[in-house]
Amino acid sequence: MSNKNYPLVSVIIPTFNRGFVVFNSIESVLNQSYKNIQCIVVDDGSTDDTVTKIRPYLDRIEYYYQPNQGQGSARNLGLNYAKGEFIATLDSDDEWFPDFISNHLEQMLANDLTLTFSNYDVNNAEHGRMSQIQRMKPYLDPNNINQWHIIEGSVFRDLIVPGVIIPSSGVLKRRSALTYGWDTQVKVADDWMLQLEIAMIQPIKVGFTFEKNWKKGHFGDNISLSDISEKKRLGKHFSDVHTDLLHIIHVFGGRLNGNERFFLKRKLVNLKLEWLIWRTKKRKPILFGFPEFYRKLTFIGICYLVYALMYRMVQTVFHKKIKLKVSK
């Protein structure tokens, strides 16, 4: 893809205490086949050797430092300095393949798209790890799964409400679609929050492919969790996701239809059940002398059965809705 007369793409890399790996992300941006790129690294208050590892690249990137405020704030700082018509964010433990921007931008320009996303490689999995792969199947050509597929905004909304489809590192979007930037009150679901906002506030067209265009890292989903011990990580994750879900339901409540609101509330109940099960497993009770544990276990079992019935009902409604749109 020739760079002549093609627009500037601004890439934002937020990082926190990932000096041991952030240089791989930077190099993957600088080694893109498409060269009209502004690479912005935002250091969210790192206390390790991040600055030392980044120093060799300072003549080719823009580096900004702020006291630790979280991933959303770091991305927003990068957005303030971004000059490109198109915006991408790359987590500091992820890497793009050389044609990532070229492949995405070609589709954006050819089809007048608002947002594109692509699959990623992890442990050489057969189809990568695109979240909730079942939701995408109605839109795939089984004879050419890796081709680009175009969907309307209403379909993208149906796909994104149940949960984020792809992490932010696999997404390219128009700057004009970022009305408010990232919500700094969100702890771990800022990608989902932003994509919901894009889907709900404007008519859009979206492109996606199952072809793998990047590689997912394995050092946590959010830079704000990087300094938490593994023992406490899962407990904090449950707490953060619970808080994020309540915030999302509050922010989008007036714009959600009945099915969407029900789905998100069911997701909240499911999260609470998962947390109870996790807490129960952590306690490792002895076989005898713990009647309270068995009462809780019975309660969890009943709740799970109710949840399973609710899930089947919601799944049936969504599948009918998707099939109806595909048939049209």
C-alpha atoms as a PDB file:
ATOM      1  CA  MET A   1       0.000   0.000   0.000  1.00  0.00           C
ATOM      2  CA  SER A   2       1.533   3.285  -1.094  1.00  0.00           C
ATOM      3  CA  ASN A   3       1.825   6.047   1.504  1.00  0.00           C
ATOM      4  CA  LYS A   4       1.394   8.859  -1.014  1.00  0.00           C
ATOM      5  CA  ASN A   5      -1.635  11.029  -0.227  1.00  0.00           C
ATOM      6  CA  TYR A   6      -2.625   8.731   2.626  1.00  0.00           C
ATOM      7  CA  PRO A   7      -3.623  10.156   6.008  1.00  0.00           C
ATOM      8  CA  LEU A   8      -1.684  10.274   9.245  1.00  0.00           C
ATOM      9  CA  VAL A   9      -2.361   7.473  11.741  1.00  0.00           C
ATOM     10  CA  SER A  10      -1.723   8.315  15.402  1.00  0.00           C
ATOM     11  CA  VAL A  11      -0.781   5.350  17.587  1.00  0.00           C
ATOM     12  CA  ILE A  12      -1.064   5.660  21.385  1.00  0.00           C
ATOM     13  CA  ILE A  13       0.905   3.235  23.593  1.00  0.00           C
ATOM     14  CA  PRO A  14       0.014   3.581  27.304  1.00  0.00           C
ATOM     15  CA  THR A  15       2.447   1.839  29.642  1.00  0.00           C
ATOM     16  CA  PHE A  16       3.079   1.294  33.334  1.00  0.00           C
ATOM     17  CA  ASN A  17       6.081  -0.635  34.680  1.00  0.00           C
ATOM     18  CA  ARG A  18       6.559  -2.653  31.493  1.00  0.00           C
ATOM     19  CA  GLY A  19      10.115  -1.660  30.681  1.00  0.00           C
ATOM     20  CA  PHE A  20      10.876  -5.331  30.083  1.00  0.00           C
ATOM     21  CA  VAL A  21       8.529  -5.519  27.081  1.00  0.00           C
ATOM     22  CA  VAL A  22       7.347  -2.063  25.914  1.00  0.00           C
ATOM     23  CA  PHE A  23      10.198  -1.744  23.385  1.00  0.00           C
ATOM     24  CA  ASN A  24       8.730  -4.695  21.431  1.00  0.00           C
ATOM     25  CA  SER A  25       5.454  -2.799  21.030  1.00  0.00           C
ATOM     26  CA  ILE A  26       7.286   0.349  19.912  1.00  0.00           C
ATOM     27  CA  GLU A  27       9.342  -1.546  17.341  1.00  0.00           C
ATOM     28  CA  SER A  28       6.226  -3.225  15.945  1.00  0.00           C
ATOM     29  CA  VAL A  29       4.800   0.265  15.262  1.00  0.00           C
ATOM     30  CA  LEU A  30       8.006   1.654  13.782  1.00  0.00           C
ATOM     31  CA  ASN A  31       8.348  -1.427  11.543  1.00  0.00           C
ATOM     32  CA  GLN A  32       4.933  -1.021   9.917  1.00  0.00           C
ATOM     33  CA  SER A  33       4.879  -1.170   6.126  1.00  0.00           C
ATOM     34  CA  TYR A  34       2.706   1.959   6.221  1.00  0.00           C
ATOM     35  CA  LYS A  35       4.990   4.779   7.324  1.00  0.00           C
ATOM     36  CA  ASN A  36       2.802   7.845   7.827  1.00  0.00           C
ATOM     37  CA  ILE A  37       2.521   7.205  11.567  1.00  0.00           C
ATOM     38  CA  GLN A  38       2.720   9.315  14.714  1.00  0.00           C
ATOM     39  CA  CYS A  39       3.837   7.053  17.589  1.00  0.00           C
ATOM     40  CA  ILE A  40       2.924   8.387  21.060  1.00  0.00           C
ATOM     41  CA  VAL A  41       4.076   6.613  24.241  1.00  0.00           C
ATOM     42  CA  VAL A  42       2.416   7.679  27.498  1.00  0.00           C
ATOM     43  CA  ASP A  43       4.201   6.591  30.663  1.00  0.00           C
ATOM     44  CA  ASP A  44       1.577   6.339  33.411  1.00  0.00           C
ATOM     45  CA  GLY A  45       3.948   6.899  36.327  1.00  0.00           C
ATOM     46  CA  SER A  46       6.305   3.932  35.853  1.00  0.00           C
ATOM     47  CA  THR A  47       8.812   3.238  38.648  1.00  0.00           C
ATOM     48  CA  ASP A  48      10.880   0.651  36.774  1.00  0.00           C
ATOM     49  CA  ASP A  49      13.387   1.140  33.926  1.00  0.00           C
ATOM     50  CA  THR A  50      10.749   2.098  31.330  1.00  0.00           C
ATOM     51  CA  VAL A  51      12.408   5.454  30.562  1.00  0.00           C
ATOM     52  CA  THR A  52      15.786   3.768  30.017  1.00  0.00           C
ATOM     53  CA  LYS A  53      14.286   1.198  27.637  1.00  0.00           C
ATOM     54  CA  ILE A  54      12.430   3.882  25.671  1.00  0.00           C
ATOM     55  CA  ARG A  55      15.357   6.324  25.386  1.00  0.00           C
ATOM     56  CA  PRO A  56      16.839   4.785  22.152  1.00  0.00           C
ATOM     57  CA  TYR A  57      13.538   5.516  20.350  1.00  0.00           C
ATOM     58  CA  LEU A  58      13.042   9.136  21.433  1.00  0.00           C
ATOM     59  CA  ASP A  59      14.092  10.502  18.036  1.00  0.00           C
ATOM     60  CA  ARG A  60      11.261   8.544  16.354  1.00  0.00           C
ATOM     61  CA  ILE A  61       8.457   8.680  18.915  1.00  0.00           C
ATOM     62  CA  GLU A  62       6.764  11.208  21.196  1.00  0.00           C
ATOM     63  CA  TYR A  63       7.140  10.390  24.897  1.00  0.00           C
ATOM     64  CA  TYR A  64       4.944  11.856  27.646  1.00  0.00           C
ATOM     65  CA  TYR A  65       4.976  11.164  31.361  1.00  0.00           C
ATOM     66  CA  GLN A  66       2.206  11.603  33.923  1.00  0.00           C
ATOM     67  CA  PRO A  67       1.711  10.513  37.554  1.00  0.00           C
ATOM     68  CA  ASN A  68      -0.128   7.193  37.762  1.00  0.00           C
ATOM     69  CA  GLN A  69      -3.796   7.801  36.914  1.00  0.00           C
ATOM     70  CA  GLY A  70      -4.834   4.647  35.096  1.00  0.00           C
ATOM     71  CA  GLN A  71      -5.104   3.393  31.535  1.00  0.00           C
ATOM     72  CA  GLY A  72      -8.037   5.573  30.431  1.00  0.00           C
ATOM     73  CA  SER A  73      -6.288   8.744  31.566  1.00  0.00           C
ATOM     74  CA  ALA A  74      -3.045   7.708  29.833  1.00  0.00           C
ATOM     75  CA  ARG A  75      -4.884   7.092  26.568  1.00  0.00           C
ATOM     76  CA  ASN A  76      -6.681  10.434  26.812  1.00  0.00           C
ATOM     77  CA  LEU A  77      -3.349  12.238  27.301  1.00  0.00           C
ATOM     78  CA  GLY A  78      -2.076  10.555  24.134  1.00  0.00           C
ATOM     79  CA  LEU A  79      -5.272  11.541  22.333  1.00  0.00           C
ATOM     80  CA  ASN A  80      -4.670  15.181  23.281  1.00  0.00           C
ATOM     81  CA  TYR A  81      -1.361  15.090  21.372  1.00  0.00           C
ATOM     82  CA  ALA A  82      -2.631  12.955  18.472  1.00  0.00           C
ATOM     83  CA  LYS A  83      -2.651  14.730  15.096  1.00  0.00           C
ATOM     84  CA  GLY A  84      -3.910  11.894  12.902  1.00  0.00           C
ATOM     85  CA  GLU A  85      -7.247  11.447  11.187  1.00  0.00           C
ATOM     86  CA  PHE A  86      -7.148   7.832  12.364  1.00  0.00           C
ATOM     87  CA  ILE A  87      -6.426   6.611  15.890  1.00  0.00           C
ATOM     88  CA  ALA A  88      -5.133   3.284  17.186  1.00  0.00           C
ATOM     89  CA  THR A  89      -4.048   2.219  20.658  1.00  0.00           C
ATOM     90  CA  LEU A  90      -1.540  -0.545  21.320  1.00  0.00           C
ATOM     91  CA  ASP A  91      -1.098  -2.074  24.764  1.00  0.00           C
ATOM     92  CA  SER A  92       2.539  -2.113  25.828  1.00  0.00           C
ATOM     93  CA  ASP A  93       2.731  -5.921  25.894  1.00  0.00           C
ATOM     94  CA  ASP A  94       1.103  -6.411  22.465  1.00  0.00           C
ATOM     95  CA  GLU A  95       2.709  -6.352  19.014  1.00  0.00           C
ATOM     96  CA  TRP A  96       1.382  -5.620  15.531  1.00  0.00           C
ATOM     97  CA  PHE A  97       2.348  -7.585  12.458  1.00  0.00           C
ATOM     98  CA  PRO A  98       4.032  -5.376   9.790  1.00  0.00           C
ATOM     99  CA  ASP A  99       0.890  -4.905   7.654  1.00  0.00           C
ATOM    100  CA  PHE A 100      -1.562  -4.203  10.496  1.00  0.00           C
ATOM    101  CA  ILE A 101      -2.123  -0.524   9.709  1.00  0.00           C
ATOM    102  CA  SER A 102      -1.905  -1.033   5.955  1.00  0.00           C
ATOM    103  CA  ASN A 103      -4.568  -3.768   5.981  1.00  0.00           C
ATOM    104  CA  HIS A 104      -6.919  -1.838   8.261  1.00  0.00           C
ATOM    105  CA  LEU A 105      -6.505   1.535   6.584  1.00  0.00           C
ATOM    106  CA  GLU A 106      -7.053   0.093   3.115  1.00  0.00           C
ATOM    107  CA  GLN A 107     -10.484  -1.173   4.220  1.00  0.00           C
ATOM    108  CA  MET A 108     -11.313   2.065   6.042  1.00  0.00           C
ATOM    109  CA  LEU A 109     -10.680   4.168   2.953  1.00  0.00           C
ATOM    110  CA  ALA A 110     -12.180   1.795   0.391  1.00  0.00           C
ATOM    111  CA  ASN A 111     -15.456   1.272   2.286  1.00  0.00           C
ATOM    112  CA  ASP A 112     -15.780   4.558   4.208  1.00  0.00           C
ATOM    113  CA  LEU A 113     -15.688   2.722   7.544  1.00  0.00           C
ATOM    114  CA  THR A 114     -15.757   4.211  11.021  1.00  0.00           C
ATOM    115  CA  LEU A 115     -13.960   1.379  12.767  1.00  0.00           C
ATOM    116  CA  THR A 116     -12.115  -1.824  11.856  1.00  0.00           C
ATOM    117  CA  PHE A 117     -10.870  -4.715  13.968  1.00  0.00           C
ATOM    118  CA  SER A 118      -8.986  -7.932  13.329  1.00  0.00           C
ATOM    119  CA  ASN A 119      -8.134 -11.225  14.969  1.00  0.00           C
ATOM    120  CA  TYR A 120      -4.933 -11.894  16.880  1.00  0.00           C
ATOM    121  CA  ASP A 121      -2.428 -14.648  17.493  1.00  0.00           C
ATOM    122  CA  VAL A 122      -1.966 -16.314  20.873  1.00  0.00           C
ATOM    123  CA  ASN A 123      -0.238 -19.650  21.432  1.00  0.00           C
ATOM    124  CA  ASN A 124      -0.844 -20.489  17.751  1.00  0.00           C
ATOM    125  CA  ALA A 125      -4.557 -21.046  18.404  1.00  0.00           C
ATOM    126  CA  GLU A 126      -6.506 -22.151  15.320  1.00  0.00           C
ATOM    127  CA  HIS A 127      -8.684 -19.030  15.137  1.00  0.00           C
ATOM    128  CA  GLY A 128      -6.804 -16.716  17.464  1.00  0.00           C
ATOM    129  CA  ARG A 129      -8.780 -15.398  20.423  1.00  0.00           C
ATOM    130  CA  MET A 130     -11.412 -13.014  19.045  1.00  0.00           C
ATOM    131  CA  SER A 131     -13.756 -12.741  22.019  1.00  0.00           C
ATOM    132  CA  GLN A 132     -17.148 -14.450  21.766  1.00  0.00           C
ATOM    133  CA  ILE A 133     -16.398 -15.999  18.375  1.00  0.00           C
ATOM    134  CA  GLN A 134     -19.916 -17.473  18.234  1.00  0.00           C
ATOM    135  CA  ARG A 135     -21.395 -13.981  17.873  1.00  0.00           C
ATOM    136  CA  MET A 136     -19.478 -13.441  14.641  1.00  0.00           C
ATOM    137  CA  LYS A 137     -20.431 -16.650  12.818  1.00  0.00           C
ATOM    138  CA  PRO A 138     -23.634 -15.331  11.141  1.00  0.00           C
ATOM    139  CA  TYR A 139     -21.492 -12.779   9.276  1.00  0.00           C
ATOM    140  CA  LEU A 140     -18.711 -15.094   8.091  1.00  0.00           C
ATOM    141  CA  ASP A 141     -18.265 -16.754   4.735  1.00  0.00           C
ATOM    142  CA  PRO A 142     -17.327 -20.342   5.695  1.00  0.00           C
ATOM    143  CA  ASN A 143     -15.404 -20.680   2.431  1.00  0.00           C
ATOM    144  CA  ASN A 144     -13.266 -17.608   3.110  1.00  0.00           C
ATOM    145  CA  ILE A 145     -13.172 -16.932   6.847  1.00  0.00           C
ATOM    146  CA  ASN A 146     -10.241 -14.496   6.570  1.00  0.00           C
ATOM    147  CA  GLN A 147     -11.827 -12.057   4.146  1.00  0.00           C
ATOM    148  CA  TRP A 148     -13.009  -8.645   5.363  1.00  0.00           C
ATOM    149  CA  HIS A 149     -16.666  -8.397   6.377  1.00  0.00           C
ATOM    150  CA  ILE A 150     -18.678  -5.151   6.511  1.00  0.00           C
ATOM    151  CA  ILE A 151     -21.549  -4.676   8.982  1.00  0.00           C
ATOM    152  CA  GLU A 152     -23.868  -1.768   9.754  1.00  0.00           C
ATOM    153  CA  GLY A 153     -23.870   0.093  13.044  1.00  0.00           C
ATOM    154  CA  SER A 154     -27.066  -1.561  14.313  1.00  0.00           C
ATOM    155  CA  VAL A 155     -25.490  -4.994  13.890  1.00  0.00           C
ATOM    156  CA  PHE A 156     -22.277  -3.855  15.578  1.00  0.00           C
ATOM    157  CA  ARG A 157     -24.389  -2.627  18.489  1.00  0.00           C
ATOM    158  CA  ASP A 158     -26.014  -6.054  18.856  1.00  0.00           C
ATOM    159  CA  LEU A 159     -22.569  -7.633  18.893  1.00  0.00           C
ATOM    160  CA  ILE A 160     -20.917  -5.196  21.308  1.00  0.00           C
ATOM    161  CA  VAL A 161     -23.611  -4.969  24.015  1.00  0.00           C
ATOM    162  CA  PRO A 162     -22.947  -8.515  25.349  1.00  0.00           C
ATOM    163  CA  GLY A 163     -19.260  -7.633  25.805  1.00  0.00           C
ATOM    164  CA  VAL A 164     -16.158  -6.384  24.046  1.00  0.00           C
ATOM    165  CA  ILE A 165     -15.424  -8.325  20.839  1.00  0.00           C
ATOM    166  CA  ILE A 166     -11.764  -7.504  20.447  1.00  0.00           C
ATOM    167  CA  PRO A 167      -9.152  -5.802  22.668  1.00  0.00           C
ATOM    168  CA  SER A 168      -8.195  -2.234  21.763  1.00  0.00           C
ATOM    169  CA  SER A 169      -4.865  -3.268  20.213  1.00  0.00           C
ATOM    170  CA  GLY A 170      -6.764  -4.824  17.298  1.00  0.00           C
ATOM    171  CA  VAL A 171      -8.864  -1.754  16.476  1.00  0.00           C
ATOM    172  CA  LEU A 172      -8.383   1.232  14.139  1.00  0.00           C
ATOM    173  CA  LYS A 173     -10.928   4.057  14.331  1.00  0.00           C
ATOM    174  CA  ARG A 174     -11.570   7.495  12.919  1.00  0.00           C
ATOM    175  CA  ARG A 175     -10.683  10.398  15.194  1.00  0.00           C
ATOM    176  CA  SER A 176     -14.103  11.912  14.471  1.00  0.00           C
ATOM    177  CA  ALA A 177     -15.763   8.924  16.192  1.00  0.00           C
ATOM    178  CA  LEU A 178     -14.042   9.645  19.521  1.00  0.00           C
ATOM    179  CA  THR A 179     -16.470  12.193  20.894  1.00  0.00           C
ATOM    180  CA  TYR A 180     -15.446  11.931  24.544  1.00  0.00           C
ATOM    181  CA  GLY A 181     -12.331   9.743  24.582  1.00  0.00           C
ATOM    182  CA  TRP A 182     -11.901   7.087  27.269  1.00  0.00           C
ATOM    183  CA  ASP A 183     -13.962   7.160  30.461  1.00  0.00           C
ATOM    184  CA  THR A 184     -11.464   7.541  33.318  1.00  0.00           C
ATOM    185  CA  GLN A 185     -13.945   6.154  35.869  1.00  0.00           C
ATOM    186  CA  VAL A 186     -13.764   2.733  34.222  1.00  0.00           C
ATOM    187  CA  LYS A 187     -11.121   0.408  35.668  1.00  0.00           C
ATOM    188  CA  VAL A 188     -10.775  -2.510  33.227  1.00  0.00           C
ATOM    189  CA  ALA A 189     -13.616  -2.174  30.685  1.00  0.00           C
ATOM    190  CA  ASP A 190     -12.550   1.087  29.048  1.00  0.00           C
ATOM    191  CA  ASP A 191     -12.277  -0.585  25.613  1.00  0.00           C
ATOM    192  CA  TRP A 192     -15.843  -1.860  25.891  1.00  0.00           C
ATOM    193  CA  MET A 193     -17.123   1.487  27.164  1.00  0.00           C
ATOM    194  CA  LEU A 194     -15.574   3.362  24.256  1.00  0.00           C
ATOM    195  CA  GLN A 195     -16.901   0.930  21.651  1.00  0.00           C
ATOM    196  CA  LEU A 196     -20.395   1.110  23.188  1.00  0.00           C
ATOM    197  CA  GLU A 197     -20.218   4.891  22.986  1.00  0.00           C
ATOM    198  CA  ILE A 198     -19.212   4.766  19.309  1.00  0.00           C
ATOM    199  CA  ALA A 199     -21.983   2.270  18.519  1.00  0.00           C
ATOM    200  CA  MET A 200     -24.727   4.265  20.235  1.00  0.00           C
ATOM    201  CA  ILE A 201     -24.133   7.906  19.389  1.00  0.00           C
ATOM    202  CA  GLN A 202     -23.838   7.833  15.604  1.00  0.00           C
ATOM    203  CA  PRO A 203     -24.581   5.873  12.409  1.00  0.00           C
ATOM    204  CA  ILE A 204     -21.463   3.865  11.597  1.00  0.00           C
ATOM    205  CA  LYS A 205     -20.065   1.151   9.360  1.00  0.00           C
ATOM    206  CA  VAL A 206     -17.632  -1.419  10.738  1.00  0.00           C
ATOM    207  CA  GLY A 207     -15.231  -3.847   9.089  1.00  0.00           C
ATOM    208  CA  PHE A 208     -13.627  -6.940  10.598  1.00  0.00           C
ATOM    209  CA  THR A 209     -11.580  -9.974   9.621  1.00  0.00           C
ATOM    210  CA  PHE A 210     -10.538 -13.215  11.289  1.00  0.00           C
ATOM    211  CA  GLU A 211      -7.130 -12.929   9.680  1.00  0.00           C
ATOM    212  CA  LYS A 212      -4.511 -12.497  12.406  1.00  0.00           C
ATOM    213  CA  ASN A 213      -2.905  -9.070  12.190  1.00  0.00           C
ATOM    214  CA  TRP A 214      -1.303  -8.834  15.634  1.00  0.00           C
ATOM    215  CA  LYS A 215      -0.053 -10.734  18.683  1.00  0.00           C
ATOM    216  CA  LYS A 216      -1.569 -10.547  22.163  1.00  0.00           C
ATOM    217  CA  GLY A 217       0.729 -10.270  25.172  1.00  0.00           C
ATOM    218  CA  HIS A 218       0.298 -12.187  28.420  1.00  0.00           C
ATOM    219  CA  PHE A 219       0.924  -9.617  31.126  1.00  0.00           C
ATOM    220  CA  GLY A 220      -2.603  -8.693  32.200  1.00  0.00           C
ATOM    221  CA  ASP A 221      -5.449  -6.848  30.529  1.00  0.00           C
ATOM    222  CA  ASN A 222      -4.960  -3.446  32.114  1.00  0.00           C
ATOM    223  CA  ILE A 223      -1.857  -1.441  32.964  1.00  0.00           C
ATOM    224  CA  SER A 224      -3.334  -0.469  36.328  1.00  0.00           C
ATOM    225  CA  LEU A 225      -3.112  -4.132  37.386  1.00  0.00           C
ATOM    226  CA  SER A 226       0.564  -4.529  36.559  1.00  0.00           C
ATOM    227  CA  ASP A 227       1.766  -3.990  40.114  1.00  0.00           C
ATOM    228  CA  ILE A 228      -0.728  -6.330  41.827  1.00  0.00           C
ATOM    229  CA  SER A 229       0.429  -9.731  43.042  1.00  0.00           C
ATOM    230  CA  GLU A 230      -1.067 -12.742  41.291  1.00  0.00           C
ATOM    231  CA  LYS A 231      -2.753 -13.834  44.528  1.00  0.00           C
ATOM    232  CA  LYS A 232      -4.810 -10.619  44.715  1.00  0.00           C
ATOM    233  CA  ARG A 233      -5.282 -10.023  40.977  1.00  0.00           C
ATOM    234  CA  LEU A 234      -8.439 -12.080  40.484  1.00  0.00           C
ATOM    235  CA  GLY A 235     -10.186 -10.614  43.512  1.00  0.00           C
ATOM    236  CA  LYS A 236      -9.460  -7.073  42.325  1.00  0.00           C
ATOM    237  CA  HIS A 237     -10.563  -8.001  38.814  1.00  0.00           C
ATOM    238  CA  PHE A 238     -13.996  -9.119  40.070  1.00  0.00           C
ATOM    239  CA  SER A 239     -14.334  -5.903  42.057  1.00  0.00           C
ATOM    240  CA  ASP A 240     -13.292  -3.678  39.140  1.00  0.00           C
ATOM    241  CA  VAL A 241     -15.506  -5.411  36.579  1.00  0.00           C
ATOM    242  CA  HIS A 242     -18.467  -5.242  38.970  1.00  0.00           C
ATOM    243  CA  THR A 243     -17.925  -1.498  39.443  1.00  0.00           C
ATOM    244  CA  ASP A 244     -17.486  -0.999  35.681  1.00  0.00           C
ATOM    245  CA  LEU A 245     -20.722  -2.853  34.874  1.00  0.00           C
ATOM    246  CA  LEU A 246     -22.695  -0.719  37.318  1.00  0.00           C
ATOM    247  CA  HIS A 247     -21.154   2.405  35.772  1.00  0.00           C
ATOM    248  CA  ILE A 248     -21.923   1.283  32.202  1.00  0.00           C
ATOM    249  CA  ILE A 249     -25.542   0.458  33.060  1.00  0.00           C
ATOM    250  CA  HIS A 250     -25.871   3.883  34.699  1.00  0.00           C
ATOM    251  CA  VAL A 251     -24.266   5.827  31.820  1.00  0.00           C
ATOM    252  CA  PHE A 252     -26.078   4.042  28.983  1.00  0.00           C
ATOM    253  CA  GLY A 253     -29.309   3.237  30.857  1.00  0.00           C
ATOM    254  CA  GLY A 254     -31.419   5.735  28.943  1.00  0.00           C
ATOM    255  CA  ARG A 255     -30.119   4.545  25.571  1.00  0.00           C
ATOM    256  CA  LEU A 256     -30.461   0.792  26.167  1.00  0.00           C
ATOM    257  CA  ASN A 257     -33.527  -1.056  24.943  1.00  0.00           C
ATOM    258  CA  GLY A 258     -35.255  -3.642  27.137  1.00  0.00           C
ATOM    259  CA  ASN A 259     -33.283  -6.634  25.864  1.00  0.00           C
ATOM    260  CA  GLU A 260     -29.940  -4.828  26.192  1.00  0.00           C
ATOM    261  CA  ARG A 261     -30.680  -3.665  29.731  1.00  0.00           C
ATOM    262  CA  PHE A 262     -31.773  -7.173  30.726  1.00  0.00           C
ATOM    263  CA  PHE A 263     -28.647  -8.686  29.183  1.00  0.00           C
ATOM    264  CA  LEU A 264     -26.300  -6.367  31.089  1.00  0.00           C
ATOM    265  CA  LYS A 265     -28.113  -6.949  34.376  1.00  0.00           C
ATOM    266  CA  ARG A 266     -27.929 -10.695  33.784  1.00  0.00           C
ATOM    267  CA  LYS A 267     -24.214 -10.251  33.148  1.00  0.00           C
ATOM    268  CA  LEU A 268     -23.966  -8.504  36.525  1.00  0.00           C
ATOM    269  CA  VAL A 269     -25.732 -11.404  38.271  1.00  0.00           C
ATOM    270  CA  ASN A 270     -23.442 -13.876  36.516  1.00  0.00           C
ATOM    271  CA  LEU A 271     -20.382 -11.964  37.711  1.00  0.00           C
ATOM    272  CA  LYS A 272     -21.624 -12.088  41.304  1.00  0.00           C
ATOM    273  CA  LEU A 273     -22.133 -15.852  41.016  1.00  0.00           C
ATOM    274  CA  GLU A 274     -18.629 -16.310  39.653  1.00  0.00           C
ATOM    275  CA  TRP A 275     -17.264 -14.236  42.536  1.00  0.00           C
ATOM    276  CA  LEU A 276     -19.151 -16.358  45.108  1.00  0.00           C
ATOM    277  CA  ILE A 277     -17.826 -19.550  43.531  1.00  0.00           C
ATOM    278  CA  TRP A 278     -14.281 -18.142  43.527  1.00  0.00           C
ATOM    279  CA  ARG A 279     -14.538 -17.093  47.177  1.00  0.00           C
ATOM    280  CA  THR A 280     -15.926 -20.516  48.113  1.00  0.00           C
ATOM    281  CA  LYS A 281     -13.056 -22.303  46.396  1.00  0.00           C
ATOM    282  CA  LYS A 282     -10.501 -20.057  48.113  1.00  0.00           C
ATOM    283  CA  ARG A 283     -11.693 -21.083  51.582  1.00  0.00           C
ATOM    284  CA  LYS A 284     -11.071 -24.814  50.992  1.00  0.00           C
ATOM    285  CA  PRO A 285     -13.372 -26.055  53.791  1.00  0.00           C
ATOM    286  CA  ILE A 286     -12.842 -29.387  55.608  1.00  0.00           C
ATOM    287  CA  LEU A 287     -15.423 -32.077  54.834  1.00  0.00           C
ATOM    288  CA  PHE A 288     -17.073 -31.969  58.262  1.00  0.00           C
ATOM    289  CA  GLY A 289     -18.140 -29.108  60.527  1.00  0.00           C
ATOM    290  CA  PHE A 290     -18.962 -26.496  57.879  1.00  0.00           C
ATOM    291  CA  PRO A 291     -22.771 -26.587  57.380  1.00  0.00           C
ATOM    292  CA  GLU A 292     -22.750 -22.896  56.344  1.00  0.00           C
ATOM    293  CA  PHE A 293     -20.494 -23.722  53.406  1.00  0.00           C
ATOM    294  CA  TYR A 294     -22.884 -26.391  52.132  1.00  0.00           C
ATOM    295  CA  ARG A 295     -25.848 -24.042  52.485  1.00  0.00           C
ATOM    296  CA  LYS A 296     -23.972 -21.519  50.372  1.00  0.00           C
ATOM    297  CA  LEU A 297     -23.079 -24.193  47.855  1.00  0.00           C
ATOM    298  CA  THR A 298     -26.737 -25.197  47.538  1.00  0.00           C
ATOM    299  CA  PHE A 299     -27.698 -21.546  47.091  1.00  0.00           C
ATOM    300  CA  ILE A 300     -25.069 -21.103  44.383  1.00  0.00           C
ATOM    301  CA  GLY A 301     -26.375 -24.189  42.586  1.00  0.00           C
ATOM    302  CA  ILE A 302     -29.937 -22.853  42.581  1.00  0.00           C
ATOM    303  CA  CYS A 303     -28.784 -19.434  41.408  1.00  0.00           C
ATOM    304  CA  TYR A 304     -26.772 -21.012  38.608  1.00  0.00           C
ATOM    305  CA  LEU A 305     -29.802 -22.985  37.394  1.00  0.00           C
ATOM    306  CA  VAL A 306     -31.871 -19.798  37.339  1.00  0.00           C
ATOM    307  CA  TYR A 307     -29.066 -18.014  35.508  1.00  0.00           C
ATOM    308  CA  ALA A 308     -28.833 -20.834  32.936  1.00  0.00           C
ATOM    309  CA  LEU A 309     -32.550 -20.546  32.167  1.00  0.00           C
ATOM    310  CA  MET A 310     -32.288 -16.753  31.856  1.00  0.00           C
ATOM    311  CA  TYR A 311     -29.246 -17.074  29.610  1.00  0.00           C
ATOM    312  CA  ARG A 312     -31.039 -19.454  27.236  1.00  0.00           C
ATOM    313  CA  MET A 313     -33.972 -17.049  26.982  1.00  0.00           C
ATOM    314  CA  VAL A 314     -31.746 -14.064  26.172  1.00  0.00           C
ATOM    315  CA  GLN A 315     -29.605 -16.103  23.780  1.00  0.00           C
ATOM    316  CA  THR A 316     -32.704 -17.177  21.859  1.00  0.00           C
ATOM    317  CA  VAL A 317     -33.883 -13.571  21.502  1.00  0.00           C
ATOM    318  CA  PHE A 318     -30.475 -12.332  20.265  1.00  0.00           C
ATOM    319  CA  HIS A 319     -30.015 -15.211  17.808  1.00  0.00           C
ATOM    320  CA  LYS A 320     -33.462 -14.626  16.323  1.00  0.00           C
ATOM    321  CA  LYS A 321     -32.660 -10.935  15.965  1.00  0.00           C
ATOM    322  CA  ILE A 322     -29.340 -11.609  14.237  1.00  0.00           C
ATOM    323  CA  LYS A 323     -30.847 -14.244  11.894  1.00  0.00           C
ATOM    324  CA  LEU A 324     -33.600 -11.811  10.933  1.00  0.00           C
ATOM    325  CA  LYS A 325     -31.040  -9.126   9.993  1.00  0.00           C
ATOM    326  CA  VAL A 326     -28.902 -11.588   8.051  1.00  0.00           C
ATOM    327  CA  SER A 327     -31.931 -12.844   6.104  1.00  0.00           C
ATOM    328  CA  LYS A 328     -32.741  -9.269   5.103  1.00  0.00           C
END
